[in-house]
C-alpha atoms as a PDB file:
ATOM      1  CA  MET A   1     -22.622  19.371  21.985  1.00  0.00           C
ATOM      2  CA  GLU A   2     -25.917  21.331  22.413  1.00  0.00           C
ATOM      3  CA  ASN A   3     -23.723  24.758  21.995  1.00  0.00           C
ATOM      4  CA  ILE A   4     -22.312  23.949  18.758  1.00  0.00           C
ATOM      5  CA  ASN A   5     -23.699  25.918  15.813  1.00  0.00           C
ATOM      6  CA  PHE A   6     -24.050  24.562  12.887  1.00  0.00           C
ATOM      7  CA  ASN A   7     -24.561  27.199  10.900  1.00  0.00           C
ATOM      8  CA  ILE A   8     -22.627  27.052   7.256  1.00  0.00           C
ATOM      9  CA  SER A   9     -21.451  29.823   4.942  1.00  0.00           C
ATOM     10  CA  TYR A  10     -22.633  28.851   1.735  1.00  0.00           C
ATOM     11  CA  PRO A  11     -20.712  30.851  -0.643  1.00  0.00           C
ATOM     12  CA  SER A  12     -17.161  29.329   1.378  1.00  0.00           C
ATOM     13  CA  VAL A  13     -18.868  25.892   0.408  1.00  0.00           C
ATOM     14  CA  ILE A  14     -19.003  27.446  -3.165  1.00  0.00           C
ATOM     15  CA  TRP A  15     -15.369  28.296  -3.036  1.00  0.00           C
ATOM     16  CA  PHE A  16     -14.284  25.081  -1.290  1.00  0.00           C
ATOM     17  CA  ILE A  17     -16.038  23.167  -4.155  1.00  0.00           C
ATOM     18  CA  GLY A  18     -14.453  25.060  -6.799  1.00  0.00           C
ATOM     19  CA  LEU A  19     -10.972  24.851  -4.928  1.00  0.00           C
ATOM     20  CA  GLY A  20     -11.517  21.373  -4.890  1.00  0.00           C
ATOM     21  CA  VAL A  21     -11.889  20.972  -8.643  1.00  0.00           C
ATOM     22  CA  GLY A  22      -9.294  23.324  -9.359  1.00  0.00           C
ATOM     23  CA  VAL A  23      -6.815  21.092  -7.166  1.00  0.00           C
ATOM     24  CA  PHE A  24      -7.545  17.902  -8.779  1.00  0.00           C
ATOM     25  CA  LEU A  25      -7.534  19.247 -12.580  1.00  0.00           C
ATOM     26  CA  LEU A  26      -3.907  20.638 -11.603  1.00  0.00           C
ATOM     27  CA  PHE A  27      -2.528  17.132 -10.381  1.00  0.00           C
ATOM     28  CA  ARG A  28      -3.804  15.715 -13.092  1.00  0.00           C
ATOM     29  CA  PHE A  29      -2.279  17.864 -15.823  1.00  0.00           C
ATOM     30  CA  ILE A  30       0.872  17.669 -13.776  1.00  0.00           C
ATOM     31  CA  LYS A  31       0.711  13.835 -13.995  1.00  0.00           C
ATOM     32  CA  ARG A  32       0.211  14.310 -18.208  1.00  0.00           C
ATOM     33  CA  LEU A  33       2.586  16.669 -18.144  1.00  0.00           C
ATOM     34  CA  VAL A  34       5.298  14.591 -16.311  1.00  0.00           C
ATOM     35  CA  TYR A  35       4.332  11.422 -18.773  1.00  0.00           C
ATOM     36  CA  PHE A  36       4.963  13.698 -21.622  1.00  0.00           C
ATOM     37  CA  TRP A  37       8.334  14.752 -20.697  1.00  0.00           C
ATOM     38  CA  ILE A  38       9.337  11.121 -18.597  1.00  0.00           C
ATOM     39  CA  PRO A  39       7.994   8.545 -21.279  1.00  0.00           C
ATOM     40  CA  ASN A  40      10.452   5.915 -19.970  1.00  0.00           C
ATOM     41  CA  ARG A  41       8.079   4.367 -16.794  1.00  0.00           C
ATOM     42  CA  GLN A  42      10.827   3.532 -14.585  1.00  0.00           C
ATOM     43  CA  ASN A  43      12.767   6.857 -14.879  1.00  0.00           C
ATOM     44  CA  ARG A  44       9.049   8.193 -13.769  1.00  0.00           C
ATOM     45  CA  HIS A  45       8.863   5.267 -10.993  1.00  0.00           C
ATOM     46  CA  LEU A  46      12.164   7.252  -9.622  1.00  0.00           C
ATOM     47  CA  LYS A  47      11.744  10.738 -10.414  1.00  0.00           C
ATOM     48  CA  PHE A  48       8.033  11.158 -10.098  1.00  0.00           C
ATOM     49  CA  GLU A  49       5.601   8.389  -8.917  1.00  0.00           C
ATOM     50  CA  ARG A  50       6.634   8.079  -5.591  1.00  0.00           C
ATOM     51  CA  LEU A  51       7.054  11.945  -5.142  1.00  0.00           C
ATOM     52  CA  LEU A  52       3.600  13.271  -6.861  1.00  0.00           C
ATOM     53  CA  PRO A  53       1.316  11.170  -4.631  1.00  0.00           C
ATOM     54  CA  VAL A  54       2.856  13.051  -1.529  1.00  0.00           C
ATOM     55  CA  ILE A  55       2.827  16.279  -2.404  1.00  0.00           C
ATOM     56  CA  GLU A  56      -0.986  15.918  -3.532  1.00  0.00           C
ATOM     57  CA  GLY A  57      -1.781  14.189  -0.260  1.00  0.00           C
ATOM     58  CA  VAL A  58      -0.165  17.381   1.716  1.00  0.00           C
ATOM     59  CA  VAL A  59      -2.354  19.717  -0.630  1.00  0.00           C
ATOM     60  CA  TRP A  60      -5.473  17.913  -0.249  1.00  0.00           C
ATOM     61  CA  PHE A  61      -5.153  17.791   3.528  1.00  0.00           C
ATOM     62  CA  ALA A  62      -4.389  21.715   3.563  1.00  0.00           C
ATOM     63  CA  TRP A  63      -7.537  22.208   1.373  1.00  0.00           C
ATOM     64  CA  VAL A  64      -9.835  20.221   4.019  1.00  0.00           C
ATOM     65  CA  ILE A  65      -8.458  21.925   7.060  1.00  0.00           C
ATOM     66  CA  TRP A  66      -9.082  25.161   5.137  1.00  0.00           C
ATOM     67  CA  GLY A  67     -12.294  24.016   4.059  1.00  0.00           C
ATOM     68  CA  VAL A  68     -13.889  23.173   7.315  1.00  0.00           C
ATOM     69  CA  GLN A  69     -12.594  26.161   8.774  1.00  0.00           C
ATOM     70  CA  GLY A  70     -14.223  28.383   6.225  1.00  0.00           C
ATOM     71  CA  VAL A  71     -17.509  26.573   5.336  1.00  0.00           C
ATOM     72  CA  PHE A  72     -18.307  26.139   9.439  1.00  0.00           C
ATOM     73  CA  ASN A  73     -18.715  29.226  11.459  1.00  0.00           C
ATOM     74  CA  SER A  74     -18.581  27.166  14.927  1.00  0.00           C
ATOM     75  CA  LYS A  75     -15.292  26.688  16.440  1.00  0.00           C
ATOM     76  CA  GLY A  76     -16.188  23.892  18.442  1.00  0.00           C
ATOM     77  CA  LEU A  77     -17.577  22.079  15.432  1.00  0.00           C
ATOM     78  CA  TYR A  78     -14.440  23.042  13.579  1.00  0.00           C
ATOM     79  CA  THR A  79     -11.975  21.343  16.470  1.00  0.00           C
ATOM     80  CA  ILE A  80     -13.832  18.603  16.458  1.00  0.00           C
ATOM     81  CA  ILE A  81     -13.664  17.643  12.611  1.00  0.00           C
ATOM     82  CA  ILE A  82     -10.080  18.636  12.505  1.00  0.00           C
ATOM     83  CA  LEU A  83      -9.148  16.264  15.429  1.00  0.00           C
ATOM     84  CA  LEU A  84     -11.524  13.535  13.407  1.00  0.00           C
ATOM     85  CA  ILE A  85      -9.183  14.213  10.229  1.00  0.00           C
ATOM     86  CA  ILE A  86      -6.053  13.852  12.137  1.00  0.00           C
ATOM     87  CA  VAL A  87      -7.147  10.404  13.972  1.00  0.00           C
ATOM     88  CA  ILE A  88      -8.223   9.469  10.035  1.00  0.00           C
ATOM     89  CA  VAL A  89      -4.989  10.019   8.645  1.00  0.00           C
ATOM     90  CA  LEU A  90      -2.899   8.432  11.847  1.00  0.00           C
ATOM     91  CA  ILE A  91      -5.012   5.004  11.536  1.00  0.00           C
ATOM     92  CA  ALA A  92      -4.428   5.345   7.777  1.00  0.00           C
ATOM     93  CA  MET A  93      -0.351   5.666   8.089  1.00  0.00           C
ATOM     94  CA  SER A  94      -0.301   3.194  10.833  1.00  0.00           C
ATOM     95  CA  ARG A  95      -2.676   0.674   8.541  1.00  0.00           C
ATOM     96  CA  PHE A  96       0.160   1.339   5.781  1.00  0.00           C
ATOM     97  CA  ALA A  97       3.447   0.854   8.229  1.00  0.00           C
ATOM     98  CA  ILE A  98       1.407  -2.103   9.981  1.00  0.00           C
ATOM     99  CA  ARG A  99       0.594  -4.039   6.759  1.00  0.00           C
ATOM    100  CA  ASP A 100       4.396  -3.271   5.192  1.00  0.00           C
ATOM    101  CA  PHE A 101       5.814  -4.405   8.645  1.00  0.00           C
ATOM    102  CA  ILE A 102       4.081  -7.818   8.360  1.00  0.00           C
ATOM    103  CA  ALA A 103       4.366  -8.301   4.933  1.00  0.00           C
ATOM    104  CA  GLY A 104       8.171  -8.012   5.456  1.00  0.00           C
ATOM    105  CA  VAL A 105       8.327 -10.403   8.140  1.00  0.00           C
ATOM    106  CA  ILE A 106       6.517 -13.362   5.917  1.00  0.00           C
ATOM    107  CA  LEU A 107       9.074 -12.248   2.953  1.00  0.00           C
ATOM    108  CA  LYS A 108      12.080 -12.923   5.169  1.00  0.00           C
ATOM    109  CA  LEU A 109      10.811 -15.976   6.745  1.00  0.00           C
ATOM    110  CA  GLU A 110       9.917 -17.097   2.980  1.00  0.00           C
ATOM    111  CA  GLY A 111      13.667 -16.367   2.111  1.00  0.00           C
ATOM    112  CA  ALA A 112      12.540 -14.326  -0.830  1.00  0.00           C
ATOM    113  CA  PHE A 113      15.159 -11.727  -0.330  1.00  0.00           C
ATOM    114  CA  ASN A 114      18.925 -12.055   0.339  1.00  0.00           C
ATOM    115  CA  ILE A 115      21.643  -9.409   0.450  1.00  0.00           C
ATOM    116  CA  GLY A 116      23.479  -9.082  -2.689  1.00  0.00           C
ATOM    117  CA  GLU A 117      21.241 -11.158  -4.980  1.00  0.00           C
ATOM    118  CA  ARG A 118      20.301  -9.489  -8.012  1.00  0.00           C
ATOM    119  CA  ILE A 119      16.236  -9.285  -8.837  1.00  0.00           C
ATOM    120  CA  LYS A 120      13.541  -8.153 -10.954  1.00  0.00           C
ATOM    121  CA  ILE A 121      10.710  -6.984  -9.991  1.00  0.00           C
ATOM    122  CA  ARG A 122       8.304  -5.466 -12.400  1.00  0.00           C
ATOM    123  CA  ASP A 123      10.301  -2.564 -14.071  1.00  0.00           C
ATOM    124  CA  VAL A 124      13.091  -2.649 -11.366  1.00  0.00           C
ATOM    125  CA  GLU A 125      15.510  -4.760 -11.701  1.00  0.00           C
ATOM    126  CA  GLY A 126      19.302  -4.242  -9.027  1.00  0.00           C
ATOM    127  CA  ARG A 127      20.732  -6.026  -6.590  1.00  0.00           C
ATOM    128  CA  VAL A 128      19.665  -5.750  -3.144  1.00  0.00           C
ATOM    129  CA  LYS A 129      21.201  -4.055  -0.688  1.00  0.00           C
ATOM    130  CA  GLU A 130      19.536  -3.826   2.268  1.00  0.00           C
ATOM    131  CA  LEU A 131      16.151  -5.350   3.627  1.00  0.00           C
ATOM    132  CA  GLY A 132      14.578  -2.601   6.069  1.00  0.00           C
ATOM    133  CA  TYR A 133      11.599  -3.319   8.541  1.00  0.00           C
ATOM    134  CA  PHE A 134       9.029  -1.669   5.744  1.00  0.00           C
ATOM    135  CA  GLY A 135      11.054  -1.973   2.523  1.00  0.00           C
ATOM    136  CA  VAL A 136      13.575  -3.515   0.701  1.00  0.00           C
ATOM    137  CA  LYS A 137      16.573  -1.579  -1.142  1.00  0.00           C
ATOM    138  CA  LEU A 138      17.844  -2.557  -4.545  1.00  0.00           C
ATOM    139  CA  GLU A 139      20.696  -0.957  -6.524  1.00  0.00           C
ATOM    140  CA  ASN A 140      20.118  -0.545  -9.968  1.00  0.00           C
ATOM    141  CA  PHE A 141      22.750  -0.732 -12.982  1.00  0.00           C
ATOM    142  CA  GLN A 142      22.658   3.601 -12.579  1.00  0.00           C
ATOM    143  CA  GLY A 143      23.715   3.104  -9.024  1.00  0.00           C
ATOM    144  CA  GLU A 144      20.419   4.501  -7.997  1.00  0.00           C
ATOM    145  CA  ILE A 145      18.839   3.151  -4.522  1.00  0.00           C
ATOM    146  CA  ILE A 146      15.611   2.264  -5.274  1.00  0.00           C
ATOM    147  CA  THR A 147      13.248   1.342  -2.089  1.00  0.00           C
ATOM    148  CA  LEU A 148      10.366  -0.523  -2.846  1.00  0.00           C
ATOM    149  CA  PRO A 149       7.729  -1.273   0.498  1.00  0.00           C
ATOM    150  CA  TYR A 150       7.030  -5.144   1.020  1.00  0.00           C
ATOM    151  CA  SER A 151       3.357  -4.860   0.673  1.00  0.00           C
ATOM    152  CA  SER A 152       4.219  -3.499  -2.896  1.00  0.00           C
ATOM    153  CA  VAL A 153       5.960  -6.731  -3.615  1.00  0.00           C
ATOM    154  CA  SER A 154       4.130  -9.241  -1.896  1.00  0.00           C
ATOM    155  CA  GLY A 155       2.462 -11.583  -4.421  1.00  0.00           C
ATOM    156  CA  VAL A 156       4.428 -10.221  -7.088  1.00  0.00           C
ATOM    157  CA  LYS A 157       6.415 -12.328  -9.425  1.00  0.00           C
ATOM    158  CA  ARG A 158       9.778 -11.896  -8.598  1.00  0.00           C
ATOM    159  CA  ILE A 159      12.636 -12.970 -10.893  1.00  0.00           C
ATOM    160  CA  LEU A 160      16.177 -14.279  -9.618  1.00  0.00           C
ATOM    161  CA  SER A 161      18.708 -13.171 -11.966  1.00  0.00           C
ATOM    162  CA  LYS A 162      22.063 -15.147 -11.642  1.00  0.00           C
ATOM    163  CA  SER A 163      22.322 -17.667 -14.505  1.00  0.00           C
ATOM    164  CA  SER A 164      26.027 -17.955 -15.346  1.00  0.00           C
ATOM    165  CA  ASP A 165      24.981 -18.668 -18.989  1.00  0.00           C
ATOM    166  CA  LYS A 166      24.423 -14.897 -19.141  1.00  0.00           C
ATOM    167  CA  ILE A 167      27.594 -13.524 -17.354  1.00  0.00           C
ATOM    168  CA  LYS A 168      30.041 -12.125 -19.878  1.00  0.00           C
ATOM    169  CA  ASN A 169      33.435 -11.480 -18.822  1.00  0.00           C
ATOM    170  CA  HIS A 170      36.237  -8.442 -20.090  1.00  0.00           C
ATOM    171  CA  THR A 171      40.004  -8.339 -19.826  1.00  0.00           C
ATOM    172  CA  PHE A 172      41.950  -5.387 -18.801  1.00  0.00           C
ATOM    173  CA  THR A 173      45.457  -4.413 -17.359  1.00  0.00           C
ATOM    174  CA  LEU A 174      45.573  -2.405 -14.354  1.00  0.00           C
ATOM    175  CA  GLN A 175      48.309  -0.150 -12.664  1.00  0.00           C
ATOM    176  CA  LEU A 176      47.961  -0.012  -9.034  1.00  0.00           C
ATOM    177  CA  PRO A 177      50.538   1.957  -6.716  1.00  0.00           C
ATOM    178  CA  LYS A 178      52.994  -0.576  -4.321  1.00  0.00           C
ATOM    179  CA  LYS A 179      51.194   1.162  -1.419  1.00  0.00           C
ATOM    180  CA  TYR A 180      50.073  -2.333  -0.247  1.00  0.00           C
ATOM    181  CA  ALA A 181      51.254  -5.751  -0.384  1.00  0.00           C
ATOM    182  CA  VAL A 182      50.219  -7.628  -3.611  1.00  0.00           C
ATOM    183  CA  THR A 183      47.633 -10.172  -1.750  1.00  0.00           C
ATOM    184  CA  GLU A 184      46.116  -6.993  -0.006  1.00  0.00           C
ATOM    185  CA  THR A 185      46.228  -4.819  -2.831  1.00  0.00           C
ATOM    186  CA  ILE A 186      44.260  -7.914  -5.029  1.00  0.00           C
ATOM    187  CA  GLU A 187      42.013  -8.142  -2.101  1.00  0.00           C
ATOM    188  CA  LYS A 188      41.343  -4.468  -1.806  1.00  0.00           C
ATOM    189  CA  ALA A 189      40.239  -4.354  -5.766  1.00  0.00           C
ATOM    190  CA  LYS A 190      38.333  -7.143  -5.926  1.00  0.00           C
ATOM    191  CA  SER A 191      36.227  -5.752  -3.074  1.00  0.00           C
ATOM    192  CA  THR A 192      36.074  -2.403  -4.969  1.00  0.00           C
ATOM    193  CA  ILE A 193      34.535  -4.407  -8.038  1.00  0.00           C
ATOM    194  CA  LEU A 194      31.809  -6.509  -5.935  1.00  0.00           C
ATOM    195  CA  ASN A 195      30.674  -3.274  -4.616  1.00  0.00           C
ATOM    196  CA  THR A 196      29.906  -1.677  -7.969  1.00  0.00           C
ATOM    197  CA  PRO A 197      26.124  -2.402  -9.304  1.00  0.00           C
ATOM    198  CA  TRP A 198      27.599  -3.636 -12.383  1.00  0.00           C
ATOM    199  CA  ALA A 199      29.633  -6.606 -11.460  1.00  0.00           C
ATOM    200  CA  SER A 200      28.373 -10.223 -11.231  1.00  0.00           C
ATOM    201  CA  ILE A 201      28.206 -11.885  -7.726  1.00  0.00           C
ATOM    202  CA  THR A 202      27.943 -15.278  -8.831  1.00  0.00           C
ATOM    203  CA  GLN A 203      31.389 -15.244 -10.813  1.00  0.00           C
ATOM    204  CA  LYS A 204      34.240 -13.571  -8.840  1.00  0.00           C
ATOM    205  CA  PRO A 205      36.636 -11.419 -10.469  1.00  0.00           C
ATOM    206  CA  HIS A 206      39.842 -12.577 -11.170  1.00  0.00           C
ATOM    207  CA  ILE A 207      43.265 -10.622 -10.472  1.00  0.00           C
ATOM    208  CA  LYS A 208      46.717 -11.621 -11.414  1.00  0.00           C
ATOM    209  CA  LEU A 209      50.033 -10.206 -11.089  1.00  0.00           C
ATOM    210  CA  LEU A 210      51.692  -9.312 -14.221  1.00  0.00           C
ATOM    211  CA  ASP A 211      54.993  -6.839 -13.743  1.00  0.00           C
ATOM    212  CA  GLU A 212      56.039  -4.705 -10.875  1.00  0.00           C
ATOM    213  CA  ASN A 213      58.556  -2.021 -10.429  1.00  0.00           C
ATOM    214  CA  GLY A 214      59.606   0.076  -7.836  1.00  0.00           C
ATOM    215  CA  GLU A 215      56.617   2.385  -7.585  1.00  0.00           C
ATOM    216  CA  ALA A 216      53.577   0.295  -9.167  1.00  0.00           C
ATOM    217  CA  TYR A 217      51.907  -3.353  -9.820  1.00  0.00           C
ATOM    218  CA  THR A 218      50.423  -3.944 -13.172  1.00  0.00           C
ATOM    219  CA  PHE A 219      47.743  -6.614 -12.866  1.00  0.00           C
ATOM    220  CA  GLU A 220      45.885  -8.781 -15.674  1.00  0.00           C
ATOM    221  CA  VAL A 221      42.168  -8.208 -14.618  1.00  0.00           C
ATOM    222  CA  ILE A 222      39.212 -10.376 -15.656  1.00  0.00           C
ATOM    223  CA  VAL A 223      35.575  -8.931 -14.514  1.00  0.00           C
ATOM    224  CA  TYR A 224      32.263 -10.528 -14.761  1.00  0.00           C
ATOM    225  CA  SER A 225      28.919  -8.728 -15.817  1.00  0.00           C
ATOM    226  CA  LEU A 226      25.536  -9.589 -16.892  1.00  0.00           C
ATOM    227  CA  HIS A 227      25.986  -7.055 -19.763  1.00  0.00           C
ATOM    228  CA  GLN A 228      28.651  -6.051 -21.910  1.00  0.00           C
ATOM    229  CA  ARG A 229      27.792  -2.326 -21.845  1.00  0.00           C
ATOM    230  CA  TYR A 230      29.159  -2.072 -18.183  1.00  0.00           C
ATOM    231  CA  PHE A 231      32.459  -3.537 -18.783  1.00  0.00           C
ATOM    232  CA  GLN A 232      33.706  -0.088 -19.419  1.00  0.00           C
ATOM    233  CA  LYS A 233      32.221   1.362 -16.428  1.00  0.00           C
ATOM    234  CA  LEU A 234      34.029  -1.044 -14.492  1.00  0.00           C
ATOM    235  CA  GLN A 235      37.307  -0.499 -15.845  1.00  0.00           C
ATOM    236  CA  THR A 236      36.969   3.260 -15.288  1.00  0.00           C
ATOM    237  CA  HIS A 237      35.581   2.742 -11.558  1.00  0.00           C
ATOM    238  CA  LEU A 238      38.486   0.654 -10.766  1.00  0.00           C
ATOM    239  CA  GLN A 239      41.140   3.023 -12.832  1.00  0.00           C
ATOM    240  CA  THR A 240      39.641   6.120 -10.644  1.00  0.00           C
ATOM    241  CA  TRP A 241      39.686   4.127  -7.386  1.00  0.00           C
ATOM    242  CA  GLY A 242      43.132   3.251  -8.272  1.00  0.00           C
ATOM    243  CA  GLN A 243      44.221   6.606  -8.546  1.00  0.00           C
ATOM    244  CA  LYS A 244      43.292   7.400  -5.010  1.00  0.00           C
ATOM    245  CA  LEU A 245      45.265   4.709  -3.531  1.00  0.00           C
END
């Protein structure tokens, strides 16, 4: 340690501070600009609010590395500071990972989430698709997969959306090719419906054979959803699936 030279380049300090102020103002400007372009909070959450902090963190890390190298003339001191920064970053990352993992264990023991349930957490609503080690994956009504860290949902009010009195139904006819037996075709169609993000999981779809000829079946299909605006999506999705059989 006695051989370390603490000589500091003061012009580099000025550049270091000036660049830091510039980076700070740049990201504040980008944030305001995106809030103007994407006013809907949920869309910002999906497209922006989870991505920008990562980019900003990488830029700030590069700024610190560059600044330390420019400010201190001693390579020995530079090496020590860089190692300390790396250790601090690793400890911080480990802390977040451990926090999410422990929160996930507690939530799973409480039975807070079940695969297939529709829940609402803050502004995010969807069906639980997967319970990972560090976060829960939800599929919203647009079919987008949203990953929420367990630590961000622990202690937050969760609304279970499965009240049957809110479920609406829609009836339509569907023609499917006679590639499989009737019962197998019906089961495949039901599975296709239930795997969409728009169908109710508490009220199963009803499919009844109306007619058949040498090439196709004609079914009456009753689907259930929490919102009427999803009926056409369900019908179109099932018709598209039937054309690929």
